[in-house]
Amino acid sequence: MTEPFVFRLQLTQVELLGRRAGNITELRHHLKEIPDTSIYYHTHHRLRQHVIRSPEPPNDFSYWITKALGLAKMGEAFSSLPFASYRSIAEIRQAFLSPLDAFLLEENGHRPQAPAGMEFHFLDGRTFLLPTGLEARTPEEFKEVIGRTPIGSIQYHVFAPRLGMAPPEYDFAAWFEARGREDIARDIRRLDPYTMTLETLRLNILKKVADHVAA
């Protein structure tokens, strides 16, 4: 029998990496070397700030490039990357490096410097998993529990497994698939979690499950 789905909550302790960038060249240098956990932090921590407000928050890199360096076109390129299509941090890392490489080849010496005090400081997230005390053994139980699990648990189970930052079986869709409910798994995977707030994401997942189980 398939194990129950255990809802977990991830807490993050933010730490300085001791790396900073003042221009595109330095940003590219550090992006090649920082750990996956740092890239995950800088691209996903803002999602928690948009539970109610407008979705699609910019990642930290796009925000800094736009605000500190004044490179609006580059910042837009960073903020409009198709994150839903990536399945690893390595893919995200390369997606950032490619436009930086192109810029450094084409900018003809124009490398704006961030004003003093506005350098980009690379952070890392040391994570801790906590039990929520919530679990589901059937799709019907899942439908009931997901409506009251902490919003941070929704974020963890949707984003971390798909990017290799958590075991794949912690993914909602993977659990349904293991139970032989490919119909529910398929509908959940069709959602683009980057185009909605976390609360809207919760409601959409709940609806997808409810569409396939008895009231």
N, C-alpha and C. Protein backbone atom coordinates (compact mmCIF):
# COMPACT_ATOMS: atom_id res chain seq x y z
N MET A 1 0.85 -1.20 0.00
CA MET A 1 0.00 0.00 0.00
C MET A 1 0.88 1.24 0.00
N THR A 2 0.49 2.23 -0.77
CA THR A 2 1.27 3.47 -0.85
C THR A 2 1.26 4.19 0.48
N GLU A 3 2.42 4.71 0.85
CA GLU A 3 2.53 5.45 2.09
C GLU A 3 1.67 6.71 2.04
N PRO A 4 1.20 7.18 3.20
CA PRO A 4 0.42 8.43 3.21
C PRO A 4 1.29 9.61 2.78
N PHE A 5 0.66 10.63 2.25
CA PHE A 5 1.40 11.84 1.92
C PHE A 5 1.55 12.65 3.21
N VAL A 6 2.79 12.90 3.61
CA VAL A 6 3.08 13.65 4.82
C VAL A 6 3.43 15.09 4.43
N PHE A 7 2.64 16.03 4.90
CA PHE A 7 2.88 17.43 4.58
C PHE A 7 3.99 17.98 5.48
N ARG A 8 5.01 18.53 4.85
CA ARG A 8 6.17 19.05 5.56
C ARG A 8 6.29 20.55 5.35
N LEU A 9 6.94 21.20 6.29
CA LEU A 9 7.16 22.65 6.20
C LEU A 9 8.66 22.90 6.24
N GLN A 10 9.14 23.69 5.29
CA GLN A 10 10.57 24.02 5.24
C GLN A 10 10.81 25.40 5.80
N LEU A 11 11.72 25.48 6.76
CA LEU A 11 12.17 26.77 7.29
C LEU A 11 13.57 27.02 6.76
N THR A 12 13.87 28.28 6.48
CA THR A 12 15.15 28.63 5.89
C THR A 12 15.89 29.64 6.74
N GLN A 13 17.13 29.31 7.07
CA GLN A 13 18.01 30.25 7.77
C GLN A 13 18.93 30.88 6.74
N VAL A 14 18.80 32.17 6.54
CA VAL A 14 19.54 32.86 5.48
C VAL A 14 20.94 33.21 5.98
N GLU A 15 21.93 32.92 5.14
CA GLU A 15 23.33 33.17 5.48
C GLU A 15 24.04 33.89 4.34
N LEU A 16 24.94 34.78 4.67
CA LEU A 16 25.77 35.43 3.66
C LEU A 16 26.82 34.45 3.14
N LEU A 17 27.04 34.46 1.83
CA LEU A 17 28.06 33.60 1.24
C LEU A 17 29.44 34.26 1.22
N GLY A 18 29.50 35.56 1.49
CA GLY A 18 30.76 36.27 1.40
C GLY A 18 31.13 36.61 -0.03
N ARG A 19 30.16 36.62 -0.91
CA ARG A 19 30.37 36.97 -2.31
C ARG A 19 29.48 38.16 -2.66
N ARG A 20 30.00 39.07 -3.48
CA ARG A 20 29.17 40.18 -3.93
C ARG A 20 29.57 40.58 -5.34
N ALA A 21 28.64 41.19 -6.04
CA ALA A 21 28.87 41.62 -7.42
C ALA A 21 28.49 43.09 -7.56
N GLY A 22 29.30 43.80 -8.32
CA GLY A 22 29.01 45.21 -8.57
C GLY A 22 28.72 45.49 -10.02
N ASN A 23 28.90 44.48 -10.89
CA ASN A 23 28.63 44.64 -12.32
C ASN A 23 28.31 43.28 -12.93
N ILE A 24 28.02 43.28 -14.22
CA ILE A 24 27.61 42.05 -14.90
C ILE A 24 28.72 41.01 -14.91
N THR A 25 29.95 41.44 -15.10
CA THR A 25 31.07 40.50 -15.12
C THR A 25 31.19 39.74 -13.81
N GLU A 26 31.09 40.48 -12.71
CA GLU A 26 31.19 39.84 -11.39
C GLU A 26 29.97 38.96 -11.12
N LEU A 27 28.79 39.41 -11.57
CA LEU A 27 27.59 38.59 -11.39
C LEU A 27 27.75 37.26 -12.08
N ARG A 28 28.21 37.29 -13.32
CA ARG A 28 28.40 36.06 -14.07
C ARG A 28 29.41 35.14 -13.38
N HIS A 29 30.52 35.72 -12.91
CA HIS A 29 31.56 34.93 -12.25
C HIS A 29 30.99 34.17 -11.05
N HIS A 30 30.23 34.86 -10.23
CA HIS A 30 29.70 34.20 -9.03
C HIS A 30 28.56 33.24 -9.35
N LEU A 31 27.75 33.57 -10.35
CA LEU A 31 26.66 32.67 -10.71
C LEU A 31 27.17 31.31 -11.16
N LYS A 32 28.37 31.27 -11.72
CA LYS A 32 28.95 30.00 -12.15
C LYS A 32 29.40 29.15 -10.97
N GLU A 33 29.64 29.78 -9.82
CA GLU A 33 30.29 29.06 -8.72
C GLU A 33 29.43 28.87 -7.48
N ILE A 34 28.39 29.68 -7.28
CA ILE A 34 27.61 29.57 -6.05
C ILE A 34 26.87 28.24 -6.01
N PRO A 35 26.56 27.74 -4.82
CA PRO A 35 25.86 26.45 -4.70
C PRO A 35 24.43 26.54 -5.23
N ASP A 36 23.88 25.38 -5.56
CA ASP A 36 22.49 25.33 -6.04
C ASP A 36 21.52 25.96 -5.06
N THR A 37 21.79 25.76 -3.78
CA THR A 37 20.87 26.29 -2.76
C THR A 37 20.78 27.81 -2.80
N SER A 38 21.86 28.45 -3.20
CA SER A 38 21.84 29.92 -3.30
C SER A 38 20.98 30.36 -4.48
N ILE A 39 21.13 29.69 -5.61
CA ILE A 39 20.30 30.03 -6.77
C ILE A 39 18.83 29.77 -6.46
N TYR A 40 18.56 28.66 -5.79
CA TYR A 40 17.17 28.35 -5.43
C TYR A 40 16.61 29.44 -4.51
N TYR A 41 17.41 29.87 -3.55
CA TYR A 41 16.93 30.91 -2.63
C TYR A 41 16.62 32.20 -3.39
N HIS A 42 17.55 32.66 -4.22
CA HIS A 42 17.38 33.94 -4.90
C HIS A 42 16.28 33.92 -5.96
N THR A 43 15.87 32.75 -6.40
CA THR A 43 14.81 32.68 -7.41
C THR A 43 13.45 32.30 -6.84
N HIS A 44 13.40 31.84 -5.58
CA HIS A 44 12.13 31.34 -5.07
C HIS A 44 11.66 31.95 -3.74
N HIS A 45 12.53 32.64 -3.02
CA HIS A 45 12.08 33.10 -1.71
C HIS A 45 11.02 34.19 -1.81
N ARG A 46 11.02 34.96 -2.92
CA ARG A 46 10.03 36.02 -3.06
C ARG A 46 8.60 35.49 -3.25
N LEU A 47 8.47 34.24 -3.62
CA LEU A 47 7.14 33.68 -3.79
C LEU A 47 6.32 33.76 -2.51
N ARG A 48 6.99 33.64 -1.37
CA ARG A 48 6.28 33.71 -0.09
C ARG A 48 5.72 35.09 0.18
N GLN A 49 6.26 36.12 -0.46
CA GLN A 49 5.82 37.49 -0.23
C GLN A 49 4.59 37.85 -1.06
N HIS A 50 4.15 36.92 -1.89
CA HIS A 50 3.06 37.23 -2.80
C HIS A 50 1.91 36.25 -2.63
N VAL A 51 1.52 36.05 -1.37
CA VAL A 51 0.39 35.19 -1.08
C VAL A 51 -0.90 35.84 -1.53
N ILE A 52 -1.00 37.17 -1.37
CA ILE A 52 -2.22 37.89 -1.71
C ILE A 52 -1.98 38.85 -2.86
N ARG A 53 -0.82 39.47 -2.86
CA ARG A 53 -0.55 40.48 -3.88
C ARG A 53 -0.32 39.87 -5.25
N SER A 54 0.00 40.71 -6.23
CA SER A 54 0.10 40.26 -7.61
C SER A 54 1.14 39.17 -7.76
N PRO A 55 0.90 38.20 -8.67
CA PRO A 55 1.83 37.10 -8.86
C PRO A 55 3.03 37.51 -9.69
N GLU A 56 3.84 36.52 -10.05
CA GLU A 56 5.03 36.70 -10.88
C GLU A 56 6.01 37.71 -10.30
N PRO A 57 6.42 37.53 -9.04
CA PRO A 57 7.42 38.44 -8.49
C PRO A 57 8.76 38.24 -9.18
N PRO A 58 9.54 39.30 -9.34
CA PRO A 58 10.85 39.13 -9.99
C PRO A 58 11.80 38.37 -9.07
N ASN A 59 12.72 37.63 -9.65
CA ASN A 59 13.76 37.01 -8.83
C ASN A 59 14.76 38.09 -8.43
N ASP A 60 15.60 37.78 -7.47
CA ASP A 60 16.54 38.78 -6.94
C ASP A 60 17.50 39.30 -8.00
N PHE A 61 17.92 38.43 -8.90
CA PHE A 61 18.87 38.84 -9.93
C PHE A 61 18.26 39.86 -10.88
N SER A 62 17.04 39.61 -11.34
CA SER A 62 16.39 40.54 -12.26
C SER A 62 16.13 41.89 -11.59
N TYR A 63 15.76 41.83 -10.32
CA TYR A 63 15.49 43.07 -9.59
C TYR A 63 16.76 43.92 -9.48
N TRP A 64 17.88 43.28 -9.14
CA TRP A 64 19.13 44.02 -8.97
C TRP A 64 19.65 44.57 -10.29
N ILE A 65 19.59 43.76 -11.33
CA ILE A 65 20.06 44.22 -12.65
C ILE A 65 19.28 45.44 -13.11
N THR A 66 17.98 45.44 -12.84
CA THR A 66 17.14 46.57 -13.25
C THR A 66 17.37 47.79 -12.38
N LYS A 67 17.32 47.60 -11.07
CA LYS A 67 17.36 48.73 -10.15
C LYS A 67 18.76 49.28 -9.92
N ALA A 68 19.74 48.41 -9.75
CA ALA A 68 21.09 48.86 -9.41
C ALA A 68 21.93 49.19 -10.64
N LEU A 69 21.75 48.42 -11.72
CA LEU A 69 22.57 48.63 -12.91
C LEU A 69 21.83 49.41 -14.00
N GLY A 70 20.53 49.52 -13.88
CA GLY A 70 19.76 50.26 -14.88
C GLY A 70 19.64 49.55 -16.21
N LEU A 71 19.83 48.25 -16.22
CA LEU A 71 19.75 47.47 -17.45
C LEU A 71 18.35 46.84 -17.53
N ALA A 72 17.38 47.64 -17.96
CA ALA A 72 15.99 47.20 -17.96
C ALA A 72 15.76 46.00 -18.88
N LYS A 73 16.39 46.02 -20.05
CA LYS A 73 16.19 44.92 -21.00
C LYS A 73 16.74 43.61 -20.44
N MET A 74 17.91 43.66 -19.84
CA MET A 74 18.49 42.47 -19.24
C MET A 74 17.65 42.01 -18.06
N GLY A 75 17.19 42.95 -17.24
CA GLY A 75 16.35 42.59 -16.11
C GLY A 75 15.07 41.91 -16.54
N GLU A 76 14.48 42.41 -17.62
CA GLU A 76 13.27 41.79 -18.15
C GLU A 76 13.55 40.38 -18.65
N ALA A 77 14.70 40.20 -19.28
CA ALA A 77 15.06 38.86 -19.76
C ALA A 77 15.18 37.88 -18.61
N PHE A 78 15.73 38.34 -17.49
CA PHE A 78 15.87 37.48 -16.32
C PHE A 78 14.53 37.18 -15.66
N SER A 79 13.63 38.15 -15.66
CA SER A 79 12.34 37.96 -14.97
C SER A 79 11.35 37.18 -15.81
N SER A 80 11.58 37.08 -17.13
CA SER A 80 10.63 36.40 -18.00
C SER A 80 11.09 35.00 -18.42
N LEU A 81 12.09 34.47 -17.75
CA LEU A 81 12.54 33.12 -18.06
C LEU A 81 11.42 32.11 -17.78
N PRO A 82 11.29 31.08 -18.59
CA PRO A 82 10.21 30.09 -18.41
C PRO A 82 10.52 29.09 -17.30
N PHE A 83 10.45 29.54 -16.06
CA PHE A 83 10.84 28.70 -14.93
C PHE A 83 10.05 27.39 -14.87
N ALA A 84 8.81 27.41 -15.31
CA ALA A 84 8.00 26.20 -15.24
C ALA A 84 8.56 25.07 -16.08
N SER A 85 9.39 25.40 -17.06
CA SER A 85 9.93 24.37 -17.94
C SER A 85 11.23 23.76 -17.42
N TYR A 86 11.81 24.34 -16.38
CA TYR A 86 13.08 23.84 -15.86
C TYR A 86 12.85 22.73 -14.85
N ARG A 87 13.74 21.75 -14.88
CA ARG A 87 13.61 20.62 -13.97
C ARG A 87 14.86 20.43 -13.11
N SER A 88 15.72 21.42 -13.08
CA SER A 88 16.89 21.35 -12.21
C SER A 88 17.45 22.76 -12.02
N ILE A 89 18.22 22.93 -10.97
CA ILE A 89 18.88 24.21 -10.74
C ILE A 89 19.95 24.43 -11.81
N ALA A 90 20.53 23.35 -12.30
CA ALA A 90 21.54 23.48 -13.37
C ALA A 90 20.94 24.15 -14.60
N GLU A 91 19.70 23.82 -14.93
CA GLU A 91 19.04 24.45 -16.07
C GLU A 91 18.80 25.93 -15.81
N ILE A 92 18.40 26.27 -14.59
CA ILE A 92 18.17 27.68 -14.25
C ILE A 92 19.49 28.44 -14.29
N ARG A 93 20.54 27.85 -13.76
CA ARG A 93 21.85 28.50 -13.76
C ARG A 93 22.27 28.84 -15.20
N GLN A 94 22.12 27.87 -16.10
CA GLN A 94 22.52 28.10 -17.49
C GLN A 94 21.62 29.13 -18.16
N ALA A 95 20.35 29.15 -17.78
CA ALA A 95 19.43 30.14 -18.35
C ALA A 95 19.83 31.55 -17.95
N PHE A 96 20.42 31.72 -16.79
CA PHE A 96 20.94 33.02 -16.38
C PHE A 96 22.26 33.34 -17.08
N LEU A 97 23.11 32.36 -17.20
CA LEU A 97 24.43 32.60 -17.77
C LEU A 97 24.39 32.94 -19.26
N SER A 98 23.48 32.35 -19.99
CA SER A 98 23.43 32.57 -21.44
C SER A 98 23.24 34.04 -21.82
N PRO A 99 22.24 34.75 -21.27
CA PRO A 99 22.10 36.17 -21.63
C PRO A 99 23.25 37.02 -21.11
N LEU A 100 23.86 36.62 -20.00
CA LEU A 100 25.01 37.36 -19.50
C LEU A 100 26.19 37.22 -20.46
N ASP A 101 26.39 36.01 -20.95
CA ASP A 101 27.47 35.80 -21.93
C ASP A 101 27.22 36.63 -23.19
N ALA A 102 25.99 36.65 -23.65
CA ALA A 102 25.65 37.41 -24.86
C ALA A 102 25.88 38.90 -24.63
N PHE A 103 25.51 39.39 -23.45
CA PHE A 103 25.68 40.81 -23.14
C PHE A 103 27.16 41.18 -23.13
N LEU A 104 27.98 40.34 -22.51
CA LEU A 104 29.40 40.65 -22.41
C LEU A 104 30.10 40.60 -23.78
N LEU A 105 29.53 39.86 -24.72
CA LEU A 105 30.09 39.82 -26.06
C LEU A 105 29.68 41.03 -26.91
N GLU A 106 28.50 41.60 -26.58
CA GLU A 106 27.93 42.62 -27.44
C GLU A 106 27.96 44.04 -26.87
N GLU A 107 28.28 44.18 -25.59
CA GLU A 107 28.08 45.49 -24.96
C GLU A 107 29.17 46.51 -25.31
N ASN A 108 30.22 46.11 -25.99
CA ASN A 108 31.25 47.05 -26.45
C ASN A 108 31.83 47.93 -25.34
N GLY A 109 32.11 47.31 -24.24
CA GLY A 109 32.74 48.04 -23.15
C GLY A 109 31.80 48.72 -22.19
N HIS A 110 30.49 48.70 -22.46
CA HIS A 110 29.52 49.35 -21.58
C HIS A 110 29.15 48.40 -20.45
N ARG A 111 29.78 48.61 -19.30
CA ARG A 111 29.52 47.75 -18.15
C ARG A 111 29.18 48.62 -16.95
N PRO A 112 27.93 48.96 -16.79
CA PRO A 112 27.55 49.83 -15.67
C PRO A 112 27.91 49.22 -14.32
N GLN A 113 28.30 50.09 -13.40
CA GLN A 113 28.69 49.68 -12.06
C GLN A 113 27.59 50.06 -11.08
N ALA A 114 27.28 49.17 -10.18
CA ALA A 114 26.28 49.47 -9.17
C ALA A 114 26.79 50.58 -8.26
N PRO A 115 25.91 51.52 -7.86
CA PRO A 115 26.32 52.56 -6.92
C PRO A 115 26.82 51.94 -5.61
N ALA A 116 27.66 52.65 -4.92
CA ALA A 116 28.19 52.17 -3.64
C ALA A 116 27.03 51.83 -2.71
N GLY A 117 27.09 50.67 -2.10
CA GLY A 117 26.04 50.24 -1.18
C GLY A 117 24.94 49.46 -1.86
N MET A 118 24.97 49.36 -3.20
CA MET A 118 23.92 48.63 -3.92
C MET A 118 24.49 47.39 -4.63
N GLU A 119 25.62 46.93 -4.19
CA GLU A 119 26.17 45.70 -4.76
C GLU A 119 25.24 44.51 -4.45
N PHE A 120 25.34 43.48 -5.27
CA PHE A 120 24.53 42.29 -5.03
C PHE A 120 25.28 41.36 -4.07
N HIS A 121 24.67 41.07 -2.94
CA HIS A 121 25.25 40.17 -1.95
C HIS A 121 24.57 38.80 -2.08
N PHE A 122 25.36 37.79 -2.36
CA PHE A 122 24.82 36.45 -2.55
C PHE A 122 24.51 35.82 -1.20
N LEU A 123 23.32 35.28 -1.11
CA LEU A 123 22.86 34.65 0.11
C LEU A 123 22.64 33.16 -0.14
N ASP A 124 22.64 32.41 0.93
CA ASP A 124 22.35 30.99 0.85
C ASP A 124 21.27 30.68 1.88
N GLY A 125 20.54 29.62 1.63
CA GLY A 125 19.49 29.23 2.56
C GLY A 125 19.78 27.87 3.17
N ARG A 126 20.04 27.86 4.46
CA ARG A 126 20.18 26.61 5.18
C ARG A 126 18.79 26.16 5.62
N THR A 127 18.37 24.99 5.17
CA THR A 127 16.98 24.60 5.35
C THR A 127 16.79 23.56 6.46
N PHE A 128 15.61 23.63 7.06
CA PHE A 128 15.21 22.68 8.10
C PHE A 128 13.78 22.24 7.79
N LEU A 129 13.53 20.95 7.85
CA LEU A 129 12.19 20.43 7.60
C LEU A 129 11.49 20.16 8.92
N LEU A 130 10.26 20.64 9.02
CA LEU A 130 9.46 20.44 10.21
C LEU A 130 8.18 19.69 9.86
N PRO A 131 7.72 18.81 10.72
CA PRO A 131 6.43 18.14 10.46
C PRO A 131 5.28 19.11 10.71
N THR A 132 4.27 19.01 9.90
CA THR A 132 3.07 19.83 10.12
C THR A 132 2.03 19.07 10.94
N GLY A 133 2.23 17.76 11.07
CA GLY A 133 1.23 16.95 11.76
C GLY A 133 0.06 16.57 10.86
N LEU A 134 0.17 16.93 9.57
CA LEU A 134 -0.91 16.66 8.63
C LEU A 134 -0.46 15.61 7.61
N GLU A 135 -1.36 14.68 7.30
CA GLU A 135 -1.07 13.69 6.28
C GLU A 135 -2.36 13.22 5.64
N ALA A 136 -2.22 12.59 4.47
CA ALA A 136 -3.40 12.11 3.74
C ALA A 136 -3.12 10.71 3.21
N ARG A 137 -4.09 9.84 3.35
CA ARG A 137 -3.96 8.46 2.87
C ARG A 137 -4.76 8.19 1.60
N THR A 138 -5.71 9.05 1.33
CA THR A 138 -6.56 8.88 0.15
C THR A 138 -6.70 10.24 -0.54
N PRO A 139 -7.11 10.24 -1.81
CA PRO A 139 -7.37 11.51 -2.47
C PRO A 139 -8.41 12.36 -1.75
N GLU A 140 -9.39 11.70 -1.16
CA GLU A 140 -10.42 12.44 -0.41
C GLU A 140 -9.80 13.15 0.80
N GLU A 141 -8.93 12.45 1.50
CA GLU A 141 -8.25 13.08 2.65
C GLU A 141 -7.33 14.20 2.17
N PHE A 142 -6.64 13.98 1.05
CA PHE A 142 -5.76 15.01 0.51
C PHE A 142 -6.55 16.29 0.23
N LYS A 143 -7.72 16.14 -0.38
CA LYS A 143 -8.56 17.30 -0.71
C LYS A 143 -8.90 18.10 0.55
N GLU A 144 -9.15 17.39 1.63
CA GLU A 144 -9.51 18.07 2.88
C GLU A 144 -8.29 18.72 3.54
N VAL A 145 -7.17 18.01 3.55
CA VAL A 145 -5.99 18.49 4.28
C VAL A 145 -5.31 19.65 3.58
N ILE A 146 -5.25 19.63 2.25
CA ILE A 146 -4.51 20.69 1.56
C ILE A 146 -5.14 22.06 1.78
N GLY A 147 -6.41 22.08 2.12
CA GLY A 147 -7.07 23.35 2.38
C GLY A 147 -6.65 24.01 3.68
N ARG A 148 -5.98 23.27 4.56
CA ARG A 148 -5.57 23.85 5.84
C ARG A 148 -4.09 23.67 6.16
N THR A 149 -3.34 23.14 5.24
CA THR A 149 -1.90 23.02 5.48
C THR A 149 -1.24 24.39 5.34
N PRO A 150 -0.16 24.68 6.06
CA PRO A 150 0.49 25.99 5.95
C PRO A 150 0.90 26.31 4.52
N ILE A 151 0.82 27.58 4.15
CA ILE A 151 1.12 27.97 2.78
C ILE A 151 2.57 27.66 2.43
N GLY A 152 3.47 27.71 3.42
CA GLY A 152 4.86 27.35 3.17
C GLY A 152 5.03 25.89 2.79
N SER A 153 4.13 25.04 3.26
CA SER A 153 4.16 23.63 2.90
C SER A 153 3.78 23.45 1.43
N ILE A 154 2.81 24.23 0.97
CA ILE A 154 2.44 24.20 -0.45
C ILE A 154 3.65 24.56 -1.30
N GLN A 155 4.33 25.64 -0.92
CA GLN A 155 5.50 26.08 -1.68
C GLN A 155 6.57 24.98 -1.73
N TYR A 156 6.85 24.39 -0.59
CA TYR A 156 7.91 23.37 -0.53
C TYR A 156 7.58 22.18 -1.42
N HIS A 157 6.38 21.64 -1.32
CA HIS A 157 6.04 20.42 -2.04
C HIS A 157 5.87 20.64 -3.54
N VAL A 158 5.58 21.86 -3.96
CA VAL A 158 5.41 22.13 -5.39
C VAL A 158 6.75 22.42 -6.06
N PHE A 159 7.58 23.28 -5.44
CA PHE A 159 8.77 23.77 -6.13
C PHE A 159 10.04 22.94 -5.86
N ALA A 160 10.26 22.56 -4.61
CA ALA A 160 11.52 21.89 -4.27
C ALA A 160 11.71 20.55 -4.99
N PRO A 161 10.73 19.66 -5.01
CA PRO A 161 10.96 18.37 -5.69
C PRO A 161 11.19 18.51 -7.19
N ARG A 162 10.48 19.43 -7.84
CA ARG A 162 10.59 19.53 -9.30
C ARG A 162 11.96 20.03 -9.72
N LEU A 163 12.70 20.68 -8.81
CA LEU A 163 14.03 21.20 -9.14
C LEU A 163 15.15 20.41 -8.47
N GLY A 164 14.81 19.26 -7.91
CA GLY A 164 15.82 18.42 -7.29
C GLY A 164 16.28 18.90 -5.93
N MET A 165 15.51 19.78 -5.30
CA MET A 165 15.87 20.30 -3.99
C MET A 165 15.16 19.55 -2.86
N ALA A 166 14.41 18.52 -3.22
CA ALA A 166 13.72 17.65 -2.26
C ALA A 166 13.49 16.32 -2.95
N PRO A 167 13.29 15.23 -2.19
CA PRO A 167 13.04 13.93 -2.82
C PRO A 167 11.85 13.99 -3.76
N PRO A 168 11.92 13.33 -4.90
CA PRO A 168 10.83 13.40 -5.88
C PRO A 168 9.49 12.93 -5.34
N GLU A 169 9.50 12.00 -4.37
CA GLU A 169 8.24 11.50 -3.83
C GLU A 169 7.52 12.52 -2.95
N TYR A 170 8.18 13.64 -2.64
CA TYR A 170 7.53 14.70 -1.87
C TYR A 170 6.64 15.57 -2.74
N ASP A 171 6.65 15.31 -4.03
CA ASP A 171 5.83 16.07 -4.98
C ASP A 171 4.39 15.56 -4.94
N PHE A 172 3.42 16.47 -4.92
CA PHE A 172 2.01 16.07 -4.88
C PHE A 172 1.66 15.13 -6.03
N ALA A 173 2.03 15.52 -7.25
CA ALA A 173 1.68 14.73 -8.42
C ALA A 173 2.30 13.34 -8.37
N ALA A 174 3.54 13.26 -7.90
CA ALA A 174 4.21 11.97 -7.83
C ALA A 174 3.48 11.02 -6.88
N TRP A 175 2.95 11.56 -5.79
CA TRP A 175 2.21 10.72 -4.82
C TRP A 175 0.94 10.17 -5.46
N PHE A 176 0.21 11.01 -6.16
CA PHE A 176 -1.01 10.52 -6.82
C PHE A 176 -0.66 9.49 -7.89
N GLU A 177 0.41 9.71 -8.60
CA GLU A 177 0.83 8.77 -9.63
C GLU A 177 1.15 7.42 -9.01
N ALA A 178 1.82 7.41 -7.87
CA ALA A 178 2.17 6.17 -7.20
C ALA A 178 0.93 5.42 -6.73
N ARG A 179 -0.15 6.14 -6.53
CA ARG A 179 -1.42 5.51 -6.13
C ARG A 179 -2.26 5.08 -7.33
N GLY A 180 -1.71 5.23 -8.51
CA GLY A 180 -2.45 4.85 -9.71
C GLY A 180 -3.43 5.90 -10.17
N ARG A 181 -3.30 7.13 -9.63
CA ARG A 181 -4.20 8.20 -10.04
C ARG A 181 -3.48 9.16 -10.99
N GLU A 182 -3.16 8.60 -12.17
CA GLU A 182 -2.47 9.41 -13.17
C GLU A 182 -3.32 10.58 -13.64
N ASP A 183 -4.65 10.44 -13.53
CA ASP A 183 -5.53 11.52 -13.96
C ASP A 183 -5.33 12.77 -13.11
N ILE A 184 -5.24 12.58 -11.79
CA ILE A 184 -5.02 13.72 -10.90
C ILE A 184 -3.60 14.25 -11.07
N ALA A 185 -2.63 13.34 -11.14
CA ALA A 185 -1.23 13.75 -11.29
C ALA A 185 -1.05 14.59 -12.55
N ARG A 186 -1.67 14.16 -13.63
CA ARG A 186 -1.55 14.88 -14.90
C ARG A 186 -2.11 16.30 -14.79
N ASP A 187 -3.27 16.43 -14.15
CA ASP A 187 -3.89 17.75 -14.04
C ASP A 187 -3.08 18.68 -13.15
N ILE A 188 -2.48 18.15 -12.09
CA ILE A 188 -1.64 18.98 -11.22
C ILE A 188 -0.40 19.44 -11.96
N ARG A 189 0.19 18.54 -12.73
CA ARG A 189 1.41 18.89 -13.47
C ARG A 189 1.16 19.92 -14.57
N ARG A 190 -0.05 20.03 -15.01
CA ARG A 190 -0.38 21.00 -16.05
C ARG A 190 -0.43 22.43 -15.51
N LEU A 191 -0.51 22.58 -14.20
CA LEU A 191 -0.53 23.91 -13.61
C LEU A 191 0.84 24.56 -13.72
N ASP A 192 0.86 25.85 -14.00
CA ASP A 192 2.11 26.62 -13.99
C ASP A 192 2.17 27.39 -12.68
N PRO A 193 2.91 26.90 -11.69
CA PRO A 193 2.90 27.53 -10.36
C PRO A 193 3.54 28.90 -10.33
N TYR A 194 4.24 29.28 -11.39
CA TYR A 194 4.91 30.58 -11.41
C TYR A 194 4.00 31.70 -11.89
N THR A 195 2.80 31.38 -12.31
CA THR A 195 1.90 32.40 -12.84
C THR A 195 0.76 32.72 -11.89
N MET A 196 0.88 32.29 -10.63
CA MET A 196 -0.18 32.53 -9.66
C MET A 196 0.41 32.67 -8.27
N THR A 197 -0.35 33.27 -7.39
CA THR A 197 0.08 33.36 -6.00
C THR A 197 0.02 31.97 -5.37
N LEU A 198 0.68 31.82 -4.23
CA LEU A 198 0.67 30.53 -3.56
C LEU A 198 -0.74 30.15 -3.11
N GLU A 199 -1.52 31.11 -2.68
CA GLU A 199 -2.88 30.80 -2.25
C GLU A 199 -3.74 30.37 -3.43
N THR A 200 -3.56 31.04 -4.57
CA THR A 200 -4.27 30.62 -5.77
C THR A 200 -3.81 29.24 -6.22
N LEU A 201 -2.53 28.97 -6.06
CA LEU A 201 -2.00 27.66 -6.40
C LEU A 201 -2.66 26.59 -5.54
N ARG A 202 -2.79 26.86 -4.25
CA ARG A 202 -3.46 25.90 -3.36
C ARG A 202 -4.88 25.60 -3.86
N LEU A 203 -5.62 26.66 -4.18
CA LEU A 203 -7.00 26.50 -4.63
C LEU A 203 -7.09 25.73 -5.94
N ASN A 204 -6.13 25.96 -6.83
CA ASN A 204 -6.13 25.25 -8.10
C ASN A 204 -5.83 23.77 -7.91
N ILE A 205 -4.89 23.45 -7.02
CA ILE A 205 -4.59 22.04 -6.74
C ILE A 205 -5.81 21.37 -6.12
N LEU A 206 -6.43 22.05 -5.16
CA LEU A 206 -7.62 21.51 -4.51
C LEU A 206 -8.71 21.22 -5.54
N LYS A 207 -8.90 22.15 -6.47
CA LYS A 207 -9.93 21.96 -7.50
C LYS A 207 -9.60 20.78 -8.40
N LYS A 208 -8.33 20.64 -8.78
CA LYS A 208 -7.95 19.53 -9.65
C LYS A 208 -8.24 18.20 -8.97
N VAL A 209 -7.98 18.11 -7.67
CA VAL A 209 -8.26 16.88 -6.93
C VAL A 209 -9.77 16.68 -6.82
N ALA A 210 -10.47 17.75 -6.48
CA ALA A 210 -11.93 17.65 -6.30
C ALA A 210 -12.65 17.25 -7.59
N ASP A 211 -12.09 17.60 -8.72
CA ASP A 211 -12.69 17.23 -10.00
C ASP A 211 -12.71 15.72 -10.22
N HIS A 212 -11.86 15.00 -9.46
CA HIS A 212 -11.72 13.57 -9.70
C HIS A 212 -12.16 12.68 -8.54
N VAL A 213 -12.55 13.28 -7.43
CA VAL A 213 -12.96 12.48 -6.27
C VAL A 213 -14.38 12.82 -5.88
N ALA A 214 -14.99 11.94 -5.14
CA ALA A 214 -16.36 12.16 -4.70
C ALA A 214 -16.43 13.30 -3.71
N ALA A 215 -17.54 14.00 -3.73
CA ALA A 215 -17.74 15.14 -2.81
C ALA A 215 -17.81 14.63 -1.38
